[in-house]
Amino acid sequence: MKTRVTVTMDPEIHRLAKQAARKRRTTVSGLIEALLQAEAAPKKGSIVSGMVGMAGLRVPAPGSDPLHEALQAKYVRG
């Protein structure tokens, strides 16, 4: 059973919260609950595991970097 809680926030923050919730296909309450659960969850792994997927490959002009093309063909899917 869930408990009803009243939260007061700046109207601009509320607008941003509604946008973020809509983007995640949830409600503002669901968004706040998920954020608090994530904050309360024990942190696992290293700083590196938290950074996985944050970087992207540069995209040189086709034919200008054979090493890049070989590595991309070998390691990048899609």
PDB file of N, CA and C in Angstrom:
ATOM      1  N   MET A   1       0.839  -1.179   0.000  1.00  0.00           N
ATOM      2  CA  MET A   1       0.000   0.000   0.000  1.00  0.00           C
ATOM      3  C   MET A   1       0.886   1.245   0.000  1.00  0.00           C
ATOM      4  N   LYS A   2       0.548   2.181  -0.812  1.00  0.00           N
ATOM      5  CA  LYS A   2       1.347   3.399  -0.929  1.00  0.00           C
ATOM      6  C   LYS A   2       0.816   4.476   0.007  1.00  0.00           C
ATOM      7  N   THR A   3       1.700   5.389   0.393  1.00  0.00           N
ATOM      8  CA  THR A   3       1.349   6.500   1.263  1.00  0.00           C
ATOM      9  C   THR A   3       1.296   7.771   0.435  1.00  0.00           C
ATOM     10  N   ARG A   4       0.277   8.559   0.637  1.00  0.00           N
ATOM     11  CA  ARG A   4       0.141   9.832  -0.066  1.00  0.00           C
ATOM     12  C   ARG A   4       1.021  10.874   0.615  1.00  0.00           C
ATOM     13  N   VAL A   5       1.795  11.604  -0.192  1.00  0.00           N
ATOM     14  CA  VAL A   5       2.709  12.622   0.309  1.00  0.00           C
ATOM     15  C   VAL A   5       2.494  13.890  -0.502  1.00  0.00           C
ATOM     16  N   THR A   6       2.524  15.028   0.153  1.00  0.00           N
ATOM     17  CA  THR A   6       2.419  16.305  -0.539  1.00  0.00           C
ATOM     18  C   THR A   6       3.816  16.892  -0.696  1.00  0.00           C
ATOM     19  N   VAL A   7       4.148  17.272  -1.928  1.00  0.00           N
ATOM     20  CA  VAL A   7       5.446  17.862  -2.222  1.00  0.00           C
ATOM     21  C   VAL A   7       5.201  19.247  -2.802  1.00  0.00           C
ATOM     22  N   THR A   8       5.922  20.232  -2.304  1.00  0.00           N
ATOM     23  CA  THR A   8       5.798  21.590  -2.812  1.00  0.00           C
ATOM     24  C   THR A   8       7.057  21.915  -3.604  1.00  0.00           C
ATOM     25  N   MET A   9       6.851  22.453  -4.816  1.00  0.00           N
ATOM     26  CA  MET A   9       8.010  22.811  -5.634  1.00  0.00           C
ATOM     27  C   MET A   9       7.709  24.031  -6.478  1.00  0.00           C
ATOM     28  N   ASP A  10       8.750  24.652  -6.933  1.00  0.00           N
ATOM     29  CA  ASP A  10       8.657  25.797  -7.818  1.00  0.00           C
ATOM     30  C   ASP A  10       7.893  25.394  -9.086  1.00  0.00           C
ATOM     31  N   PRO A  11       7.045  26.254  -9.620  1.00  0.00           N
ATOM     32  CA  PRO A  11       6.282  25.910 -10.823  1.00  0.00           C
ATOM     33  C   PRO A  11       7.154  25.497 -12.011  1.00  0.00           C
ATOM     34  N   GLU A  12       8.303  26.114 -12.178  1.00  0.00           N
ATOM     35  CA  GLU A  12       9.192  25.750 -13.283  1.00  0.00           C
ATOM     36  C   GLU A  12       9.750  24.347 -13.084  1.00  0.00           C
ATOM     37  N   ILE A  13      10.096  23.994 -11.848  1.00  0.00           N
ATOM     38  CA  ILE A  13      10.586  22.647 -11.547  1.00  0.00           C
ATOM     39  C   ILE A  13       9.472  21.633 -11.779  1.00  0.00           C
ATOM     40  N   HIS A  14       8.247  21.994 -11.411  1.00  0.00           N
ATOM     41  CA  HIS A  14       7.112  21.101 -11.640  1.00  0.00           C
ATOM     42  C   HIS A  14       6.920  20.854 -13.134  1.00  0.00           C
ATOM     43  N   ARG A  15       7.061  21.906 -13.937  1.00  0.00           N
ATOM     44  CA  ARG A  15       6.933  21.763 -15.389  1.00  0.00           C
ATOM     45  C   ARG A  15       8.022  20.821 -15.925  1.00  0.00           C
ATOM     46  N   LEU A  16       9.243  20.997 -15.442  1.00  0.00           N
ATOM     47  CA  LEU A  16      10.338  20.128 -15.868  1.00  0.00           C
ATOM     48  C   LEU A  16      10.126  18.683 -15.410  1.00  0.00           C
ATOM     49  N   ALA A  17       9.599  18.520 -14.213  1.00  0.00           N
ATOM     50  CA  ALA A  17       9.317  17.179 -13.693  1.00  0.00           C
ATOM     51  C   ALA A  17       8.260  16.489 -14.546  1.00  0.00           C
ATOM     52  N   LYS A  18       7.228  17.230 -14.949  1.00  0.00           N
ATOM     53  CA  LYS A  18       6.190  16.652 -15.796  1.00  0.00           C
ATOM     54  C   LYS A  18       6.760  16.241 -17.154  1.00  0.00           C
ATOM     55  N   GLN A  19       7.653  17.064 -17.701  1.00  0.00           N
ATOM     56  CA  GLN A  19       8.288  16.724 -18.976  1.00  0.00           C
ATOM     57  C   GLN A  19       9.135  15.453 -18.838  1.00  0.00           C
ATOM     58  N   ALA A  20       9.927  15.388 -17.775  1.00  0.00           N
ATOM     59  CA  ALA A  20      10.786  14.222 -17.554  1.00  0.00           C
ATOM     60  C   ALA A  20       9.947  12.968 -17.342  1.00  0.00           C
ATOM     61  N   ALA A  21       8.860  13.090 -16.602  1.00  0.00           N
ATOM     62  CA  ALA A  21       7.982  11.951 -16.359  1.00  0.00           C
ATOM     63  C   ALA A  21       7.331  11.483 -17.663  1.00  0.00           C
ATOM     64  N   ARG A  22       6.879  12.430 -18.457  1.00  0.00           N
ATOM     65  CA  ARG A  22       6.260  12.095 -19.739  1.00  0.00           C
ATOM     66  C   ARG A  22       7.250  11.359 -20.634  1.00  0.00           C
ATOM     67  N   LYS A  23       8.501  11.827 -20.644  1.00  0.00           N
ATOM     68  CA  LYS A  23       9.542  11.215 -21.460  1.00  0.00           C
ATOM     69  C   LYS A  23       9.780   9.767 -21.037  1.00  0.00           C
ATOM     70  N   ARG A  24       9.641   9.497 -19.739  1.00  0.00           N
ATOM     71  CA  ARG A  24       9.861   8.149 -19.204  1.00  0.00           C
ATOM     72  C   ARG A  24       8.566   7.343 -19.100  1.00  0.00           C
ATOM     73  N   ARG A  25       7.490   7.912 -19.597  1.00  0.00           N
ATOM     74  CA  ARG A  25       6.161   7.271 -19.586  1.00  0.00           C
ATOM     75  C   ARG A  25       5.741   6.863 -18.176  1.00  0.00           C
ATOM     76  N   THR A  26       5.820   7.833 -17.270  1.00  0.00           N
ATOM     77  CA  THR A  26       5.393   7.620 -15.895  1.00  0.00           C
ATOM     78  C   THR A  26       4.764   8.912 -15.388  1.00  0.00           C
ATOM     79  N   THR A  27       4.444   8.947 -14.119  1.00  0.00           N
ATOM     80  CA  THR A  27       3.885  10.144 -13.493  1.00  0.00           C
ATOM     81  C   THR A  27       4.989  10.867 -12.737  1.00  0.00           C
ATOM     82  N   VAL A  28       4.703  12.076 -12.279  1.00  0.00           N
ATOM     83  CA  VAL A  28       5.673  12.797 -11.460  1.00  0.00           C
ATOM     84  C   VAL A  28       5.927  12.007 -10.177  1.00  0.00           C
ATOM     85  N   SER A  29       4.887  11.438  -9.593  1.00  0.00           N
ATOM     86  CA  SER A  29       5.065  10.608  -8.390  1.00  0.00           C
ATOM     87  C   SER A  29       5.963   9.419  -8.678  1.00  0.00           C
ATOM     88  N   GLY A  30       5.734   8.759  -9.814  1.00  0.00           N
ATOM     89  CA  GLY A  30       6.564   7.619 -10.203  1.00  0.00           C
ATOM     90  C   GLY A  30       8.005   8.025 -10.435  1.00  0.00           C
ATOM     91  N   LEU A  31       8.193   9.195 -11.038  1.00  0.00           N
ATOM     92  CA  LEU A  31       9.539   9.705 -11.288  1.00  0.00           C
ATOM     93  C   LEU A  31      10.275   9.961  -9.974  1.00  0.00           C
ATOM     94  N   ILE A  32       9.612  10.637  -9.051  1.00  0.00           N
ATOM     95  CA  ILE A  32      10.220  10.933  -7.748  1.00  0.00           C
ATOM     96  C   ILE A  32      10.534   9.634  -7.005  1.00  0.00           C
ATOM     97  N   GLU A  33       9.604   8.683  -7.048  1.00  0.00           N
ATOM     98  CA  GLU A  33       9.823   7.399  -6.378  1.00  0.00           C
ATOM     99  C   GLU A  33      11.030   6.678  -6.978  1.00  0.00           C
ATOM    100  N   ALA A  34      11.141   6.653  -8.306  1.00  0.00           N
ATOM    101  CA  ALA A  34      12.271   5.988  -8.959  1.00  0.00           C
ATOM    102  C   ALA A  34      13.591   6.679  -8.621  1.00  0.00           C
ATOM    103  N   LEU A  35      13.588   8.011  -8.600  1.00  0.00           N
ATOM    104  CA  LEU A  35      14.806   8.746  -8.261  1.00  0.00           C
ATOM    105  C   LEU A  35      15.246   8.462  -6.825  1.00  0.00           C
ATOM    106  N   LEU A  36      14.281   8.407  -5.913  1.00  0.00           N
ATOM    107  CA  LEU A  36      14.623   8.129  -4.516  1.00  0.00           C
ATOM    108  C   LEU A  36      15.087   6.688  -4.329  1.00  0.00           C
ATOM    109  N   GLN A  37      14.472   5.744  -5.048  1.00  0.00           N
ATOM    110  CA  GLN A  37      14.929   4.355  -4.974  1.00  0.00           C
ATOM    111  C   GLN A  37      16.345   4.225  -5.507  1.00  0.00           C
ATOM    112  N   ALA A  38      16.638   4.913  -6.605  1.00  0.00           N
ATOM    113  CA  ALA A  38      17.991   4.866  -7.176  1.00  0.00           C
ATOM    114  C   ALA A  38      19.005   5.478  -6.212  1.00  0.00           C
ATOM    115  N   GLU A  39      18.628   6.549  -5.549  1.00  0.00           N
ATOM    116  CA  GLU A  39      19.530   7.199  -4.595  1.00  0.00           C
ATOM    117  C   GLU A  39      19.765   6.318  -3.372  1.00  0.00           C
ATOM    118  N   ALA A  40      18.741   5.576  -2.951  1.00  0.00           N
ATOM    119  CA  ALA A  40      18.852   4.744  -1.756  1.00  0.00           C
ATOM    120  C   ALA A  40      19.529   3.399  -2.039  1.00  0.00           C
ATOM    121  N   ALA A  41      19.575   3.003  -3.308  1.00  0.00           N
ATOM    122  CA  ALA A  41      20.161   1.705  -3.659  1.00  0.00           C
ATOM    123  C   ALA A  41      21.662   1.716  -3.379  1.00  0.00           C
ATOM    124  N   PRO A  42      22.176   0.575  -2.910  1.00  0.00           N
ATOM    125  CA  PRO A  42      23.616   0.510  -2.673  1.00  0.00           C
ATOM    126  C   PRO A  42      24.366   0.681  -3.994  1.00  0.00           C
ATOM    127  N   LYS A  43      25.430   1.440  -3.939  1.00  0.00           N
ATOM    128  CA  LYS A  43      26.224   1.707  -5.136  1.00  0.00           C
ATOM    129  C   LYS A  43      27.129   0.514  -5.407  1.00  0.00           C
ATOM    130  N   LYS A  44      27.069   0.002  -6.636  1.00  0.00           N
ATOM    131  CA  LYS A  44      27.888  -1.139  -7.018  1.00  0.00           C
ATOM    132  C   LYS A  44      28.874  -0.721  -8.092  1.00  0.00           C
ATOM    133  N   GLY A  45      29.989  -1.393  -8.138  1.00  0.00           N
ATOM    134  CA  GLY A  45      30.948  -1.173  -9.205  1.00  0.00           C
ATOM    135  C   GLY A  45      31.836   0.028  -8.964  1.00  0.00           C
ATOM    136  N   SER A  46      32.627   0.300  -9.951  1.00  0.00           N
ATOM    137  CA  SER A  46      33.579   1.395  -9.854  1.00  0.00           C
ATOM    138  C   SER A  46      33.078   2.596 -10.626  1.00  0.00           C
ATOM    139  N   ILE A  47      33.854   3.621 -10.610  1.00  0.00           N
ATOM    140  CA  ILE A  47      33.516   4.827 -11.373  1.00  0.00           C
ATOM    141  C   ILE A  47      33.482   4.512 -12.863  1.00  0.00           C
ATOM    142  N   VAL A  48      34.302   3.566 -13.289  1.00  0.00           N
ATOM    143  CA  VAL A  48      34.345   3.196 -14.702  1.00  0.00           C
ATOM    144  C   VAL A  48      33.025   2.571 -15.132  1.00  0.00           C
ATOM    145  N   SER A  49      32.457   1.692 -14.307  1.00  0.00           N
ATOM    146  CA  SER A  49      31.197   1.055 -14.686  1.00  0.00           C
ATOM    147  C   SER A  49      30.070   2.073 -14.805  1.00  0.00           C
ATOM    148  N   GLY A  50      30.149   3.153 -14.048  1.00  0.00           N
ATOM    149  CA  GLY A  50      29.144   4.202 -14.155  1.00  0.00           C
ATOM    150  C   GLY A  50      29.307   5.055 -15.396  1.00  0.00           C
ATOM    151  N   MET A  51      30.466   4.991 -16.008  1.00  0.00           N
ATOM    152  CA  MET A  51      30.740   5.811 -17.185  1.00  0.00           C
ATOM    153  C   MET A  51      30.552   5.048 -18.495  1.00  0.00           C
ATOM    154  N   VAL A  52      30.294   3.756 -18.432  1.00  0.00           N
ATOM    155  CA  VAL A  52      30.143   2.958 -19.644  1.00  0.00           C
ATOM    156  C   VAL A  52      29.023   3.536 -20.504  1.00  0.00           C
ATOM    157  N   GLY A  53      29.319   3.745 -21.773  1.00  0.00           N
ATOM    158  CA  GLY A  53      28.337   4.265 -22.703  1.00  0.00           C
ATOM    159  C   GLY A  53      28.270   5.781 -22.778  1.00  0.00           C
ATOM    160  N   MET A  54      29.093   6.496 -22.022  1.00  0.00           N
ATOM    161  CA  MET A  54      29.025   7.950 -22.012  1.00  0.00           C
ATOM    162  C   MET A  54      29.839   8.592 -23.129  1.00  0.00           C
ATOM    163  N   ALA A  55      30.744   7.830 -23.729  1.00  0.00           N
ATOM    164  CA  ALA A  55      31.593   8.384 -24.780  1.00  0.00           C
ATOM    165  C   ALA A  55      31.162   7.847 -26.136  1.00  0.00           C
ATOM    166  N   GLY A  56      31.484   8.558 -27.162  1.00  0.00           N
ATOM    167  CA  GLY A  56      31.172   8.111 -28.509  1.00  0.00           C
ATOM    168  C   GLY A  56      32.412   8.175 -29.381  1.00  0.00           C
ATOM    169  N   LEU A  57      32.381   7.428 -30.454  1.00  0.00           N
ATOM    170  CA  LEU A  57      33.499   7.452 -31.390  1.00  0.00           C
ATOM    171  C   LEU A  57      33.432   8.692 -32.259  1.00  0.00           C
ATOM    172  N   ARG A  58      34.581   9.220 -32.570  1.00  0.00           N
ATOM    173  CA  ARG A  58      34.604  10.310 -33.532  1.00  0.00           C
ATOM    174  C   ARG A  58      34.290   9.714 -34.891  1.00  0.00           C
ATOM    175  N   VAL A  59      33.829  10.502 -35.814  1.00  0.00           N
ATOM    176  CA  VAL A  59      33.472  10.008 -37.140  1.00  0.00           C
ATOM    177  C   VAL A  59      34.299  10.765 -38.173  1.00  0.00           C
ATOM    178  N   PRO A  60      35.456  10.186 -38.553  1.00  0.00           N
ATOM    179  CA  PRO A  60      36.274  10.854 -39.560  1.00  0.00           C
ATOM    180  C   PRO A  60      35.654  10.687 -40.950  1.00  0.00           C
ATOM    181  N   ALA A  61      36.152  11.440 -41.886  1.00  0.00           N
ATOM    182  CA  ALA A  61      35.681  11.327 -43.263  1.00  0.00           C
ATOM    183  C   ALA A  61      35.976   9.919 -43.773  1.00  0.00           C
ATOM    184  N   PRO A  62      35.069   9.314 -44.537  1.00  0.00           N
ATOM    185  CA  PRO A  62      35.297   7.961 -45.057  1.00  0.00           C
ATOM    186  C   PRO A  62      36.609   7.877 -45.835  1.00  0.00           C
ATOM    187  N   GLY A  63      37.392   6.833 -45.538  1.00  0.00           N
ATOM    188  CA  GLY A  63      38.651   6.610 -46.220  1.00  0.00           C
ATOM    189  C   GLY A  63      39.829   7.378 -45.653  1.00  0.00           C
ATOM    190  N   SER A  64      39.612   8.258 -44.670  1.00  0.00           N
ATOM    191  CA  SER A  64      40.706   9.080 -44.155  1.00  0.00           C
ATOM    192  C   SER A  64      41.437   8.437 -42.981  1.00  0.00           C
ATOM    193  N   ASP A  65      40.847   7.425 -42.354  1.00  0.00           N
ATOM    194  CA  ASP A  65      41.478   6.807 -41.191  1.00  0.00           C
ATOM    195  C   ASP A  65      41.265   5.291 -41.231  1.00  0.00           C
ATOM    196  N   PRO A  66      42.180   4.554 -41.866  1.00  0.00           N
ATOM    197  CA  PRO A  66      42.006   3.108 -41.998  1.00  0.00           C
ATOM    198  C   PRO A  66      41.977   2.377 -40.652  1.00  0.00           C
ATOM    199  N   LEU A  67      42.739   2.842 -39.680  1.00  0.00           N
ATOM    200  CA  LEU A  67      42.725   2.195 -38.365  1.00  0.00           C
ATOM    201  C   LEU A  67      41.349   2.334 -37.724  1.00  0.00           C
ATOM    202  N   HIS A  68      40.784   3.524 -37.767  1.00  0.00           N
ATOM    203  CA  HIS A  68      39.449   3.750 -37.216  1.00  0.00           C
ATOM    204  C   HIS A  68      38.428   2.839 -37.893  1.00  0.00           C
ATOM    205  N   GLU A  69      38.487   2.736 -39.216  1.00  0.00           N
ATOM    206  CA  GLU A  69      37.539   1.901 -39.953  1.00  0.00           C
ATOM    207  C   GLU A  69      37.690   0.429 -39.581  1.00  0.00           C
ATOM    208  N   ALA A  70      38.927  -0.040 -39.417  1.00  0.00           N
ATOM    209  CA  ALA A  70      39.163  -1.436 -39.044  1.00  0.00           C
ATOM    210  C   ALA A  70      38.640  -1.728 -37.636  1.00  0.00           C
ATOM    211  N   LEU A  71      38.910  -0.819 -36.701  1.00  0.00           N
ATOM    212  CA  LEU A  71      38.417  -1.008 -35.333  1.00  0.00           C
ATOM    213  C   LEU A  71      36.895  -0.920 -35.270  1.00  0.00           C
ATOM    214  N   GLN A  72      36.324   0.008 -36.018  1.00  0.00           N
ATOM    215  CA  GLN A  72      34.889   0.137 -36.025  1.00  0.00           C
ATOM    216  C   GLN A  72      34.232  -1.124 -36.592  1.00  0.00           C
ATOM    217  N   ALA A  73      34.786  -1.641 -37.677  1.00  0.00           N
ATOM    218  CA  ALA A  73      34.244  -2.868 -38.282  1.00  0.00           C
ATOM    219  C   ALA A  73      34.341  -4.032 -37.319  1.00  0.00           C
ATOM    220  N   LYS A  74      35.403  -4.080 -36.529  1.00  0.00           N
ATOM    221  CA  LYS A  74      35.601  -5.189 -35.614  1.00  0.00           C
ATOM    222  C   LYS A  74      34.753  -5.090 -34.345  1.00  0.00           C
ATOM    223  N   TYR A  75      34.605  -3.872 -33.787  1.00  0.00           N
ATOM    224  CA  TYR A  75      34.017  -3.746 -32.454  1.00  0.00           C
ATOM    225  C   TYR A  75      32.638  -3.068 -32.371  1.00  0.00           C
ATOM    226  N   VAL A  76      32.247  -2.319 -33.363  1.00  0.00           N
ATOM    227  CA  VAL A  76      31.000  -1.563 -33.266  1.00  0.00           C
ATOM    228  C   VAL A  76      29.906  -2.288 -34.017  1.00  0.00           C
ATOM    229  N   ARG A  77      28.808  -2.521 -33.317  1.00  0.00           N
ATOM    230  CA  ARG A  77      27.653  -3.166 -33.944  1.00  0.00           C
ATOM    231  C   ARG A  77      26.669  -2.107 -34.382  1.00  0.00           C
ATOM    232  N   GLY A  78      25.992  -2.365 -35.467  1.00  0.00           N
ATOM    233  CA  GLY A  78      24.912  -1.485 -35.897  1.00  0.00           C
ATOM    234  C   GLY A  78      25.413  -0.423 -36.750  1.00  0.00           C
TER     235      GLY A  78
END
